[in-house]
Protein backbone atom coordinates (compact mmCIF):
# COMPACT_ATOMS: atom_id res chain seq x y z
CA UNK A 1 0.06 0.22 0.04
CA UNK A 2 1.00 3.34 -0.89
CA UNK A 3 1.29 6.22 1.67
CA UNK A 4 -1.03 8.53 -0.24
CA UNK A 5 -4.26 6.09 -0.92
CA UNK A 6 -6.12 7.17 2.08
CA UNK A 7 -6.01 10.22 0.13
CA UNK A 8 -5.80 8.90 -3.33
CA UNK A 9 -9.62 10.24 -4.41
CA UNK A 10 -8.30 13.90 -2.97
CA UNK A 11 -5.57 13.22 -5.04
CA UNK A 12 -7.76 12.42 -8.46
CA UNK A 13 -9.70 15.14 -7.93
CA UNK A 14 -7.07 17.39 -8.41
CA UNK A 15 -5.31 15.88 -10.47
CA UNK A 16 -8.31 16.35 -13.12
CA UNK A 17 -8.55 19.94 -12.27
CA UNK A 18 -5.03 20.48 -13.18
CA UNK A 19 -5.84 18.10 -16.47
CA UNK A 20 -9.10 20.81 -17.01
CA UNK A 21 -6.64 23.90 -15.98
CA UNK A 22 -4.17 22.35 -19.43
CA UNK A 23 -7.29 22.13 -21.48
CA UNK A 24 -8.31 25.83 -20.66
CA UNK A 25 -4.28 26.21 -21.49
CA UNK A 26 -4.30 25.22 -24.79
CA UNK A 27 -8.06 26.83 -25.70
CA UNK A 28 -6.45 29.96 -25.28
CA UNK A 29 -3.62 29.07 -27.07
CA UNK A 30 -5.77 28.02 -29.85
CA UNK A 31 -8.07 31.66 -29.33
CA UNK A 32 -4.76 33.74 -29.74
CA UNK A 33 -4.85 34.83 -25.63
CA UNK A 34 -3.33 37.55 -24.80
CA UNK A 35 0.54 36.10 -23.91
CA UNK A 36 0.14 37.52 -20.30
CA UNK A 37 -2.88 35.84 -19.63
CA UNK A 38 -1.68 32.62 -20.59
CA UNK A 39 1.71 32.75 -18.55
CA UNK A 40 -0.89 33.42 -15.59
CA UNK A 41 -2.43 30.54 -16.15
CA UNK A 42 0.36 28.29 -16.55
CA UNK A 43 1.51 29.55 -13.70
CA UNK A 44 -1.50 29.14 -11.74
CA UNK A 45 -1.19 25.30 -13.02
CA UNK A 46 2.07 24.56 -12.27
CA UNK A 47 1.67 25.40 -8.98
CA UNK A 48 -0.88 23.87 -8.36
CA UNK A 49 1.32 20.77 -9.55
CA UNK A 50 3.84 21.52 -7.78
CA UNK A 51 0.79 21.55 -4.42
CA UNK A 52 0.29 17.72 -5.44
CA UNK A 53 3.54 17.19 -5.77
CA UNK A 54 4.11 18.15 -2.07
CA UNK A 55 1.64 16.62 -0.64
CA UNK A 56 3.13 13.27 -2.68
CA UNK A 57 6.83 14.07 -0.76
CA UNK A 58 4.91 14.36 2.43
CA UNK A 59 2.47 11.11 2.16
CA UNK A 60 5.74 9.10 1.02
CA UNK A 61 8.46 10.58 3.82
CA UNK A 62 5.82 10.09 6.45
CA UNK A 63 4.67 5.97 5.59
CA UNK A 64 7.18 5.22 3.06
CA UNK A 65 10.64 6.12 4.45
CA UNK A 66 9.44 6.66 8.52
CA UNK A 67 8.72 2.77 7.34
CA UNK A 68 12.12 1.72 6.42
CA UNK A 69 13.73 3.71 8.87
CA UNK A 70 12.20 1.65 11.62
CA UNK A 71 12.37 -0.97 10.00
CA UNK A 72 16.13 -0.57 9.70
CA UNK A 73 19.02 -1.93 7.38
CA UNK A 74 19.92 -0.49 3.69
CA UNK A 75 16.39 -0.21 2.53
CA UNK A 76 16.08 2.57 5.80
CA UNK A 77 19.00 4.15 3.89
CA UNK A 78 18.25 3.80 0.44
CA UNK A 79 14.72 5.60 0.82
CA UNK A 80 16.56 8.47 2.56
CA UNK A 81 19.02 9.22 -0.32
CA UNK A 82 14.84 8.04 -2.45
CA UNK A 83 13.17 11.24 -0.99
CA UNK A 84 16.22 13.49 -0.92
CA UNK A 85 16.86 12.89 -4.62
CA UNK A 86 12.37 13.68 -5.33
CA UNK A 87 12.87 16.48 -3.50
CA UNK A 88 15.94 17.74 -5.72
CA UNK A 89 14.01 16.98 -8.61
CA UNK A 90 10.96 19.33 -6.90
CA UNK A 91 13.79 21.98 -6.11
CA UNK A 92 15.63 21.94 -9.96
CA UNK A 93 11.39 22.23 -11.50
């Protein structure tokens, strides 16, 4: 079971909303909307995706990483490195 399983429906709802934002962006570009308006919507969609990513990361750390640390051994070290790499990817994006 994944850490986000309890909130799966909420994540799916948020992702569907973001999908709608992206479709709206496509329509804006297709309709030749003002570039600043398009950029504003791109920024909103980006922030929404970042919020999902941060939620998933928090779930991963509080469930998967915490469980691995409790168990100990090489799996714990691997989970911490995995989480660190995920954080680095989010910071770079």
